[in-house]
PDB file of all heavy atoms in Angstrom:
ATOM      1  N   ILE A   1     -13.010-148.736 -34.615  1.00  0.00           N
ATOM      2  CA  ILE A   1     -12.034-149.822 -34.676  1.00  0.00           C
ATOM      3  C   ILE A   1     -12.780-151.126 -34.369  1.00  0.00           C
ATOM      4  O   ILE A   1     -13.404-151.217 -33.297  1.00  0.00           O
ATOM      5  CB  ILE A   1     -10.878-149.626 -33.674  1.00  0.00           C
ATOM      6  CG1 ILE A   1     -10.132-148.355 -34.020  1.00  0.00           C
ATOM      7  CG2 ILE A   1      -9.896-150.826 -33.840  1.00  0.00           C
ATOM      8  CD1 ILE A   1      -9.122-147.982 -32.955  1.00  0.00           C
ATOM      9  N   ILE A   2     -12.836-152.060 -35.289  1.00  0.00           N
ATOM     10  CA  ILE A   2     -13.526-153.333 -35.101  1.00  0.00           C
ATOM     11  C   ILE A   2     -12.490-154.405 -35.062  1.00  0.00           C
ATOM     12  O   ILE A   2     -11.664-154.529 -35.902  1.00  0.00           O
ATOM     13  CB  ILE A   2     -14.504-153.575 -36.255  1.00  0.00           C
ATOM     14  CG1 ILE A   2     -15.522-152.485 -36.384  1.00  0.00           C
ATOM     15  CG2 ILE A   2     -15.148-154.999 -36.140  1.00  0.00           C
ATOM     16  CD1 ILE A   2     -16.383-152.533 -37.606  1.00  0.00           C
ATOM     17  N   VAL A   3     -12.576-155.172 -34.013  1.00  0.00           N
ATOM     18  CA  VAL A   3     -11.616-156.347 -33.834  1.00  0.00           C
ATOM     19  C   VAL A   3     -12.407-157.633 -33.994  1.00  0.00           C
ATOM     20  O   VAL A   3     -13.403-157.880 -33.187  1.00  0.00           O
ATOM     21  CB  VAL A   3     -10.919-156.334 -32.440  1.00  0.00           C
ATOM     22  CG1 VAL A   3     -10.001-157.514 -32.324  1.00  0.00           C
ATOM     23  CG2 VAL A   3     -10.103-155.071 -32.307  1.00  0.00           C
ATOM     24  N   LEU A   4     -12.042-158.449 -34.931  1.00  0.00           N
ATOM     25  CA  LEU A   4     -12.668-159.740 -35.131  1.00  0.00           C
ATOM     26  C   LEU A   4     -11.625-160.799 -34.583  1.00  0.00           C
ATOM     27  O   LEU A   4     -10.588-160.963 -35.177  1.00  0.00           O
ATOM     28  CB  LEU A   4     -13.004-160.016 -36.545  1.00  0.00           C
ATOM     29  CG  LEU A   4     -13.865-158.977 -37.243  1.00  0.00           C
ATOM     30  CD1 LEU A   4     -14.027-159.314 -38.738  1.00  0.00           C
ATOM     31  CD2 LEU A   4     -15.278-158.937 -36.587  1.00  0.00           C
ATOM     32  N   ASN A   5     -11.902-161.361 -33.462  1.00  0.00           N
ATOM     33  CA  ASN A   5     -10.939-162.280 -32.787  1.00  0.00           C
ATOM     34  C   ASN A   5     -11.540-163.624 -32.580  1.00  0.00           C
ATOM     35  O   ASN A   5     -12.704-163.731 -32.274  1.00  0.00           O
ATOM     36  CB  ASN A   5     -10.523-161.644 -31.472  1.00  0.00           C
ATOM     37  CG  ASN A   5      -9.421-162.453 -30.769  1.00  0.00           C
ATOM     38  OD1 ASN A   5      -8.374-162.657 -31.369  1.00  0.00           O
ATOM     39  ND2 ASN A   5      -9.715-162.989 -29.643  1.00  0.00           N
ATOM     40  N   GLY A   6     -10.746-164.679 -32.805  1.00  0.00           N
ATOM     41  CA  GLY A   6     -11.240-166.017 -32.555  1.00  0.00           C
ATOM     42  C   GLY A   6     -10.519-167.033 -33.302  1.00  0.00           C
ATOM     43  O   GLY A   6      -9.556-166.697 -34.052  1.00  0.00           O
ATOM     44  N   ARG A   7     -10.987-168.273 -33.188  1.00  0.00           N
ATOM     45  CA  ARG A   7     -10.411-169.390 -33.824  1.00  0.00           C
ATOM     46  C   ARG A   7     -10.363-169.325 -35.369  1.00  0.00           C
ATOM     47  O   ARG A   7     -11.157-168.572 -35.962  1.00  0.00           O
ATOM     48  CB  ARG A   7     -11.105-170.693 -33.386  1.00  0.00           C
ATOM     49  CG  ARG A   7     -12.519-170.807 -33.949  1.00  0.00           C
ATOM     50  CD  ARG A   7     -13.169-172.083 -33.443  1.00  0.00           C
ATOM     51  NE  ARG A   7     -13.428-172.055 -31.984  1.00  0.00           N
ATOM     52  CZ  ARG A   7     -14.028-172.991 -31.287  1.00  0.00           C
ATOM     53  NH1 ARG A   7     -14.423-174.117 -32.014  1.00  0.00           N
ATOM     54  NH2 ARG A   7     -14.238-172.830 -30.021  1.00  0.00           N
ATOM     55  N   TYR A   8      -9.558-170.156 -35.958  1.00  0.00           N
ATOM     56  CA  TYR A   8      -9.455-170.216 -37.391  1.00  0.00           C
ATOM     57  C   TYR A   8     -10.740-170.775 -38.043  1.00  0.00           C
ATOM     58  O   TYR A   8     -11.393-171.612 -37.448  1.00  0.00           O
ATOM     59  CB  TYR A   8      -8.272-171.118 -37.885  1.00  0.00           C
ATOM     60  CG  TYR A   8      -6.927-170.496 -37.520  1.00  0.00           C
ATOM     61  CD1 TYR A   8      -6.212-170.940 -36.464  1.00  0.00           C
ATOM     62  CD2 TYR A   8      -6.308-169.600 -38.429  1.00  0.00           C
ATOM     63  CE1 TYR A   8      -4.904-170.433 -36.142  1.00  0.00           C
ATOM     64  CE2 TYR A   8      -5.094-169.066 -38.160  1.00  0.00           C
ATOM     65  CZ  TYR A   8      -4.379-169.492 -37.017  1.00  0.00           C
ATOM     66  OH  TYR A   8      -3.151-169.001 -36.780  1.00  0.00           O
ATOM     67  N   GLY A   9     -11.082-170.286 -39.209  1.00  0.00           N
ATOM     68  CA  GLY A   9     -12.182-170.887 -39.984  1.00  0.00           C
ATOM     69  C   GLY A   9     -13.570-170.418 -39.586  1.00  0.00           C
ATOM     70  O   GLY A   9     -14.515-170.976 -40.077  1.00  0.00           O
ATOM     71  N   THR A  10     -13.727-169.331 -38.810  1.00  0.00           N
ATOM     72  CA  THR A  10     -15.037-168.984 -38.381  1.00  0.00           C
ATOM     73  C   THR A  10     -15.599-167.863 -39.256  1.00  0.00           C
ATOM     74  O   THR A  10     -16.706-167.368 -38.961  1.00  0.00           O
ATOM     75  CB  THR A  10     -15.000-168.497 -36.913  1.00  0.00           C
ATOM     76  OG1 THR A  10     -13.904-167.524 -36.737  1.00  0.00           O
ATOM     77  CG2 THR A  10     -14.776-169.625 -35.919  1.00  0.00           C
ATOM     78  N   GLY A  11     -14.922-167.511 -40.282  1.00  0.00           N
ATOM     79  CA  GLY A  11     -15.524-166.583 -41.281  1.00  0.00           C
ATOM     80  C   GLY A  11     -15.137-165.073 -40.982  1.00  0.00           C
ATOM     81  O   GLY A  11     -15.864-164.211 -41.371  1.00  0.00           O
ATOM     82  N   LYS A  12     -14.057-164.860 -40.225  1.00  0.00           N
ATOM     83  CA  LYS A  12     -13.706-163.481 -39.949  1.00  0.00           C
ATOM     84  C   LYS A  12     -13.294-162.707 -41.184  1.00  0.00           C
ATOM     85  O   LYS A  12     -13.688-161.585 -41.342  1.00  0.00           O
ATOM     86  CB  LYS A  12     -12.539-163.578 -38.929  1.00  0.00           C
ATOM     87  CG  LYS A  12     -12.855-164.164 -37.604  1.00  0.00           C
ATOM     88  CD  LYS A  12     -11.766-164.037 -36.591  1.00  0.00           C
ATOM     89  CE  LYS A  12     -10.539-164.791 -36.993  1.00  0.00           C
ATOM     90  NZ  LYS A  12     -10.686-166.195 -37.114  1.00  0.00           N
ATOM     91  N   THR A  13     -12.532-163.334 -42.059  1.00  0.00           N
ATOM     92  CA  THR A  13     -12.065-162.675 -43.218  1.00  0.00           C
ATOM     93  C   THR A  13     -13.288-162.465 -44.219  1.00  0.00           C
ATOM     94  O   THR A  13     -13.351-161.379 -44.856  1.00  0.00           O
ATOM     95  CB  THR A  13     -10.980-163.469 -43.919  1.00  0.00           C
ATOM     96  OG1 THR A  13      -9.805-163.591 -43.120  1.00  0.00           O
ATOM     97  CG2 THR A  13     -10.495-162.786 -45.239  1.00  0.00           C
ATOM     98  N   VAL A  14     -14.179-163.414 -44.230  1.00  0.00           N
ATOM     99  CA  VAL A  14     -15.349-163.270 -45.117  1.00  0.00           C
ATOM    100  C   VAL A  14     -16.181-162.121 -44.603  1.00  0.00           C
ATOM    101  O   VAL A  14     -16.737-161.294 -45.388  1.00  0.00           O
ATOM    102  CB  VAL A  14     -16.141-164.596 -45.136  1.00  0.00           C
ATOM    103  CG1 VAL A  14     -17.451-164.399 -45.903  1.00  0.00           C
ATOM    104  CG2 VAL A  14     -15.317-165.726 -45.789  1.00  0.00           C
ATOM    105  N   LEU A  15     -16.307-161.995 -43.258  1.00  0.00           N
ATOM    106  CA  LEU A  15     -17.116-160.939 -42.682  1.00  0.00           C
ATOM    107  C   LEU A  15     -16.525-159.532 -43.035  1.00  0.00           C
ATOM    108  O   LEU A  15     -17.290-158.688 -43.419  1.00  0.00           O
ATOM    109  CB  LEU A  15     -17.201-161.197 -41.162  1.00  0.00           C
ATOM    110  CG  LEU A  15     -18.231-160.307 -40.391  1.00  0.00           C
ATOM    111  CD1 LEU A  15     -18.632-161.046 -39.103  1.00  0.00           C
ATOM    112  CD2 LEU A  15     -17.779-158.932 -40.059  1.00  0.00           C
ATOM    113  N   SER A  16     -15.224-159.463 -42.943  1.00  0.00           N
ATOM    114  CA  SER A  16     -14.594-158.169 -43.282  1.00  0.00           C
ATOM    115  C   SER A  16     -14.741-157.863 -44.710  1.00  0.00           C
ATOM    116  O   SER A  16     -14.862-156.704 -45.215  1.00  0.00           O
ATOM    117  CB  SER A  16     -13.119-158.196 -42.859  1.00  0.00           C
ATOM    118  OG  SER A  16     -12.374-159.059 -43.670  1.00  0.00           O
ATOM    119  N   THR A  17     -14.720-158.911 -45.592  1.00  0.00           N
ATOM    120  CA  THR A  17     -14.831-158.762 -47.020  1.00  0.00           C
ATOM    121  C   THR A  17     -16.281-158.279 -47.349  1.00  0.00           C
ATOM    122  O   THR A  17     -16.473-157.456 -48.268  1.00  0.00           O
ATOM    123  CB  THR A  17     -14.557-160.060 -47.753  1.00  0.00           C
ATOM    124  OG1 THR A  17     -13.156-160.459 -47.484  1.00  0.00           O
ATOM    125  CG2 THR A  17     -14.637-159.879 -49.272  1.00  0.00           C
ATOM    126  N   PHE A  18     -17.253-158.851 -46.611  1.00  0.00           N
ATOM    127  CA  PHE A  18     -18.661-158.408 -46.795  1.00  0.00           C
ATOM    128  C   PHE A  18     -18.733-156.898 -46.546  1.00  0.00           C
ATOM    129  O   PHE A  18     -19.349-156.181 -47.355  1.00  0.00           O
ATOM    130  CB  PHE A  18     -19.515-159.171 -45.842  1.00  0.00           C
ATOM    131  CG  PHE A  18     -21.067-159.075 -46.126  1.00  0.00           C
ATOM    132  CD1 PHE A  18     -21.720-160.121 -46.749  1.00  0.00           C
ATOM    133  CD2 PHE A  18     -21.731-157.903 -45.814  1.00  0.00           C
ATOM    134  CE1 PHE A  18     -23.029-160.007 -47.041  1.00  0.00           C
ATOM    135  CE2 PHE A  18     -23.045-157.814 -46.098  1.00  0.00           C
ATOM    136  CZ  PHE A  18     -23.735-158.813 -46.690  1.00  0.00           C
ATOM    137  N   LEU A  19     -18.165-156.425 -45.410  1.00  0.00           N
ATOM    138  CA  LEU A  19     -18.186-155.055 -45.097  1.00  0.00           C
ATOM    139  C   LEU A  19     -17.450-154.171 -46.153  1.00  0.00           C
ATOM    140  O   LEU A  19     -17.798-153.056 -46.438  1.00  0.00           O
ATOM    141  CB  LEU A  19     -17.632-154.789 -43.728  1.00  0.00           C
ATOM    142  CG  LEU A  19     -18.387-155.404 -42.610  1.00  0.00           C
ATOM    143  CD1 LEU A  19     -17.703-155.211 -41.273  1.00  0.00           C
ATOM    144  CD2 LEU A  19     -19.859-154.817 -42.452  1.00  0.00           C
ATOM    145  N   GLY A  20     -16.333-154.743 -46.674  1.00  0.00           N
ATOM    146  CA  GLY A  20     -15.561-154.075 -47.736  1.00  0.00           C
ATOM    147  C   GLY A  20     -16.402-153.864 -48.959  1.00  0.00           C
ATOM    148  O   GLY A  20     -16.418-152.809 -49.637  1.00  0.00           O
ATOM    149  N   ARG A  21     -17.230-154.873 -49.309  1.00  0.00           N
ATOM    150  CA  ARG A  21     -18.084-154.815 -50.451  1.00  0.00           C
ATOM    151  C   ARG A  21     -19.147-153.734 -50.248  1.00  0.00           C
ATOM    152  O   ARG A  21     -19.508-152.996 -51.153  1.00  0.00           O
ATOM    153  CB  ARG A  21     -18.704-156.163 -50.818  1.00  0.00           C
ATOM    154  CG  ARG A  21     -19.538-156.105 -52.093  1.00  0.00           C
ATOM    155  CD  ARG A  21     -20.082-157.518 -52.358  1.00  0.00           C
ATOM    156  NE  ARG A  21     -21.091-157.972 -51.434  1.00  0.00           N
ATOM    157  CZ  ARG A  21     -21.731-159.153 -51.537  1.00  0.00           C
ATOM    158  NH1 ARG A  21     -21.526-159.930 -52.592  1.00  0.00           N
ATOM    159  NH2 ARG A  21     -22.608-159.519 -50.620  1.00  0.00           N
ATOM    160  N   VAL A  22     -19.701-153.699 -49.010  1.00  0.00           N
ATOM    161  CA  VAL A  22     -20.709-152.658 -48.726  1.00  0.00           C
ATOM    162  C   VAL A  22     -20.160-151.276 -48.956  1.00  0.00           C
ATOM    163  O   VAL A  22     -20.781-150.447 -49.597  1.00  0.00           O
ATOM    164  CB  VAL A  22     -21.186-152.799 -47.325  1.00  0.00           C
ATOM    165  CG1 VAL A  22     -22.051-151.624 -46.868  1.00  0.00           C
ATOM    166  CG2 VAL A  22     -22.008-154.116 -47.111  1.00  0.00           C
ATOM    167  N   MET A  23     -18.948-151.028 -48.447  1.00  0.00           N
ATOM    168  CA  MET A  23     -18.345-149.707 -48.587  1.00  0.00           C
ATOM    169  C   MET A  23     -17.972-149.435 -50.024  1.00  0.00           C
ATOM    170  O   MET A  23     -18.083-148.282 -50.491  1.00  0.00           O
ATOM    171  CB  MET A  23     -17.190-149.566 -47.692  1.00  0.00           C
ATOM    172  CG  MET A  23     -17.528-149.596 -46.201  1.00  0.00           C
ATOM    173  SD  MET A  23     -18.649-148.196 -45.835  1.00  0.00           S
ATOM    174  CE  MET A  23     -19.056-148.564 -44.125  1.00  0.00           C
ATOM    175  N   TYR A  24     -17.509-150.409 -50.772  1.00  0.00           N
ATOM    176  CA  TYR A  24     -17.152-150.301 -52.155  1.00  0.00           C
ATOM    177  C   TYR A  24     -18.343-149.902 -52.967  1.00  0.00           C
ATOM    178  O   TYR A  24     -18.276-149.010 -53.863  1.00  0.00           O
ATOM    179  CB  TYR A  24     -16.611-151.625 -52.669  1.00  0.00           C
ATOM    180  CG  TYR A  24     -16.041-151.562 -54.073  1.00  0.00           C
ATOM    181  CD1 TYR A  24     -14.844-151.007 -54.363  1.00  0.00           C
ATOM    182  CD2 TYR A  24     -16.820-152.125 -55.157  1.00  0.00           C
ATOM    183  CE1 TYR A  24     -14.336-150.992 -55.690  1.00  0.00           C
ATOM    184  CE2 TYR A  24     -16.341-152.067 -56.414  1.00  0.00           C
ATOM    185  CZ  TYR A  24     -15.140-151.473 -56.703  1.00  0.00           C
ATOM    186  OH  TYR A  24     -14.691-151.465 -57.991  1.00  0.00           O
ATOM    187  N   ARG A  25     -19.516-150.438 -52.657  1.00  0.00           N
ATOM    188  CA  ARG A  25     -20.706-150.179 -53.323  1.00  0.00           C
ATOM    189  C   ARG A  25     -21.168-148.753 -53.036  1.00  0.00           C
ATOM    190  O   ARG A  25     -21.897-148.090 -53.821  1.00  0.00           O
ATOM    191  CB  ARG A  25     -21.840-151.095 -53.026  1.00  0.00           C
ATOM    192  CG  ARG A  25     -21.669-152.485 -53.611  1.00  0.00           C
ATOM    193  CD  ARG A  25     -22.699-153.475 -53.220  1.00  0.00           C
ATOM    194  NE  ARG A  25     -22.527-154.712 -53.942  1.00  0.00           N
ATOM    195  CZ  ARG A  25     -23.327-155.816 -53.748  1.00  0.00           C
ATOM    196  NH1 ARG A  25     -24.353-155.724 -52.875  1.00  0.00           N
ATOM    197  NH2 ARG A  25     -23.120-156.911 -54.403  1.00  0.00           N
ATOM    198  N   ARG A  26     -20.736-148.174 -51.889  1.00  0.00           N
ATOM    199  CA  ARG A  26     -21.006-146.847 -51.521  1.00  0.00           C
ATOM    200  C   ARG A  26     -20.018-145.814 -52.105  1.00  0.00           C
ATOM    201  O   ARG A  26     -19.930-144.643 -51.656  1.00  0.00           O
ATOM    202  CB  ARG A  26     -21.173-146.659 -50.026  1.00  0.00           C
ATOM    203  CG  ARG A  26     -22.305-147.398 -49.417  1.00  0.00           C
ATOM    204  CD  ARG A  26     -22.368-147.142 -47.882  1.00  0.00           C
ATOM    205  NE  ARG A  26     -23.512-147.819 -47.322  1.00  0.00           N
ATOM    206  CZ  ARG A  26     -24.032-147.486 -46.128  1.00  0.00           C
ATOM    207  NH1 ARG A  26     -23.579-146.491 -45.446  1.00  0.00           N
ATOM    208  NH2 ARG A  26     -25.128-148.122 -45.682  1.00  0.00           N
ATOM    209  N   LYS A  27     -19.203-146.343 -52.984  1.00  0.00           N
ATOM    210  CA  LYS A  27     -18.120-145.454 -53.633  1.00  0.00           C
ATOM    211  C   LYS A  27     -17.048-145.091 -52.653  1.00  0.00           C
ATOM    212  O   LYS A  27     -16.387-144.053 -52.838  1.00  0.00           O
ATOM    213  CB  LYS A  27     -18.727-144.305 -54.303  1.00  0.00           C
ATOM    214  CG  LYS A  27     -19.929-144.629 -55.224  1.00  0.00           C
ATOM    215  CD  LYS A  27     -19.579-145.547 -56.366  1.00  0.00           C
ATOM    216  CE  LYS A  27     -20.748-145.859 -57.300  1.00  0.00           C
ATOM    217  NZ  LYS A  27     -20.437-146.844 -58.212  1.00  0.00           N
ATOM    218  N   LYS A  28     -16.799-145.864 -51.593  1.00  0.00           N
ATOM    219  CA  LYS A  28     -15.744-145.576 -50.636  1.00  0.00           C
ATOM    220  C   LYS A  28     -14.483-146.330 -51.016  1.00  0.00           C
ATOM    221  O   LYS A  28     -14.586-147.433 -51.521  1.00  0.00           O
ATOM    222  CB  LYS A  28     -16.212-145.985 -49.220  1.00  0.00           C
ATOM    223  CG  LYS A  28     -17.408-145.278 -48.699  1.00  0.00           C
ATOM    224  CD  LYS A  28     -17.154-143.823 -48.341  1.00  0.00           C
ATOM    225  CE  LYS A  28     -18.354-143.153 -47.671  1.00  0.00           C
ATOM    226  NZ  LYS A  28     -18.081-141.757 -47.282  1.00  0.00           N
ATOM    227  N   ARG A  29     -13.315-145.755 -50.749  1.00  0.00           N
ATOM    228  CA  ARG A  29     -12.092-146.489 -50.981  1.00  0.00           C
ATOM    229  C   ARG A  29     -11.883-147.511 -49.966  1.00  0.00           C
ATOM    230  O   ARG A  29     -12.049-147.215 -48.721  1.00  0.00           O
ATOM    231  CB  ARG A  29     -10.873-145.502 -50.989  1.00  0.00           C
ATOM    232  CG  ARG A  29     -10.960-144.523 -52.187  1.00  0.00           C
ATOM    233  CD  ARG A  29      -9.713-143.493 -52.131  1.00  0.00           C
ATOM    234  NE  ARG A  29      -8.507-144.265 -52.353  1.00  0.00           N
ATOM    235  CZ  ARG A  29      -7.279-143.653 -52.375  1.00  0.00           C
ATOM    236  NH1 ARG A  29      -7.241-142.350 -52.162  1.00  0.00           N
ATOM    237  NH2 ARG A  29      -6.151-144.427 -52.518  1.00  0.00           N
ATOM    238  N   VAL A  30     -11.457-148.722 -50.351  1.00  0.00           N
ATOM    239  CA  VAL A  30     -11.252-149.766 -49.393  1.00  0.00           C
ATOM    240  C   VAL A  30      -9.911-150.476 -49.726  1.00  0.00           C
ATOM    241  O   VAL A  30      -9.416-150.402 -50.863  1.00  0.00           O
ATOM    242  CB  VAL A  30     -12.463-150.822 -49.436  1.00  0.00           C
ATOM    243  CG1 VAL A  30     -13.725-150.218 -49.011  1.00  0.00           C
ATOM    244  CG2 VAL A  30     -12.562-151.420 -50.844  1.00  0.00           C
ATOM    245  N   LEU A  31      -9.374-151.083 -48.594  1.00  0.00           N
ATOM    246  CA  LEU A  31      -8.090-151.841 -48.818  1.00  0.00           C
ATOM    247  C   LEU A  31      -8.052-152.955 -47.802  1.00  0.00           C
ATOM    248  O   LEU A  31      -8.390-152.809 -46.611  1.00  0.00           O
ATOM    249  CB  LEU A  31      -6.914-150.880 -48.631  1.00  0.00           C
ATOM    250  CG  LEU A  31      -5.510-151.520 -48.682  1.00  0.00           C
ATOM    251  CD1 LEU A  31      -5.268-152.018 -50.085  1.00  0.00           C
ATOM    252  CD2 LEU A  31      -4.449-150.567 -48.211  1.00  0.00           C
ATOM    253  N   TYR A  32      -7.633-154.111 -48.267  1.00  0.00           N
ATOM    254  CA  TYR A  32      -7.353-155.286 -47.468  1.00  0.00           C
ATOM    255  C   TYR A  32      -5.923-155.608 -47.511  1.00  0.00           C
ATOM    256  O   TYR A  32      -5.300-155.622 -48.574  1.00  0.00           O
ATOM    257  CB  TYR A  32      -8.212-156.503 -47.960  1.00  0.00           C
ATOM    258  CG  TYR A  32      -7.856-157.778 -47.271  1.00  0.00           C
ATOM    259  CD1 TYR A  32      -8.609-158.279 -46.231  1.00  0.00           C
ATOM    260  CD2 TYR A  32      -6.787-158.544 -47.669  1.00  0.00           C
ATOM    261  CE1 TYR A  32      -8.297-159.459 -45.568  1.00  0.00           C
ATOM    262  CE2 TYR A  32      -6.404-159.760 -47.142  1.00  0.00           C
ATOM    263  CZ  TYR A  32      -7.180-160.233 -46.089  1.00  0.00           C
ATOM    264  OH  TYR A  32      -6.827-161.412 -45.442  1.00  0.00           O
ATOM    265  N   SER A  33      -5.333-155.934 -46.343  1.00  0.00           N
ATOM    266  CA  SER A  33      -3.895-156.278 -46.303  1.00  0.00           C
ATOM    267  C   SER A  33      -3.605-157.098 -45.107  1.00  0.00           C
ATOM    268  O   SER A  33      -4.336-157.003 -44.099  1.00  0.00           O
ATOM    269  CB  SER A  33      -3.053-154.930 -46.246  1.00  0.00           C
ATOM    270  OG  SER A  33      -1.694-155.284 -46.031  1.00  0.00           O
TER     271      SER A  33
END
């Protein structure tokens, strides 16, 4: 369980999207909501 906590605009969503792309490239199922 990874918690990204902090102020707005620091790139938390981008960071999670980066990890989503990594797993997607590994043929893993991913979901953002």
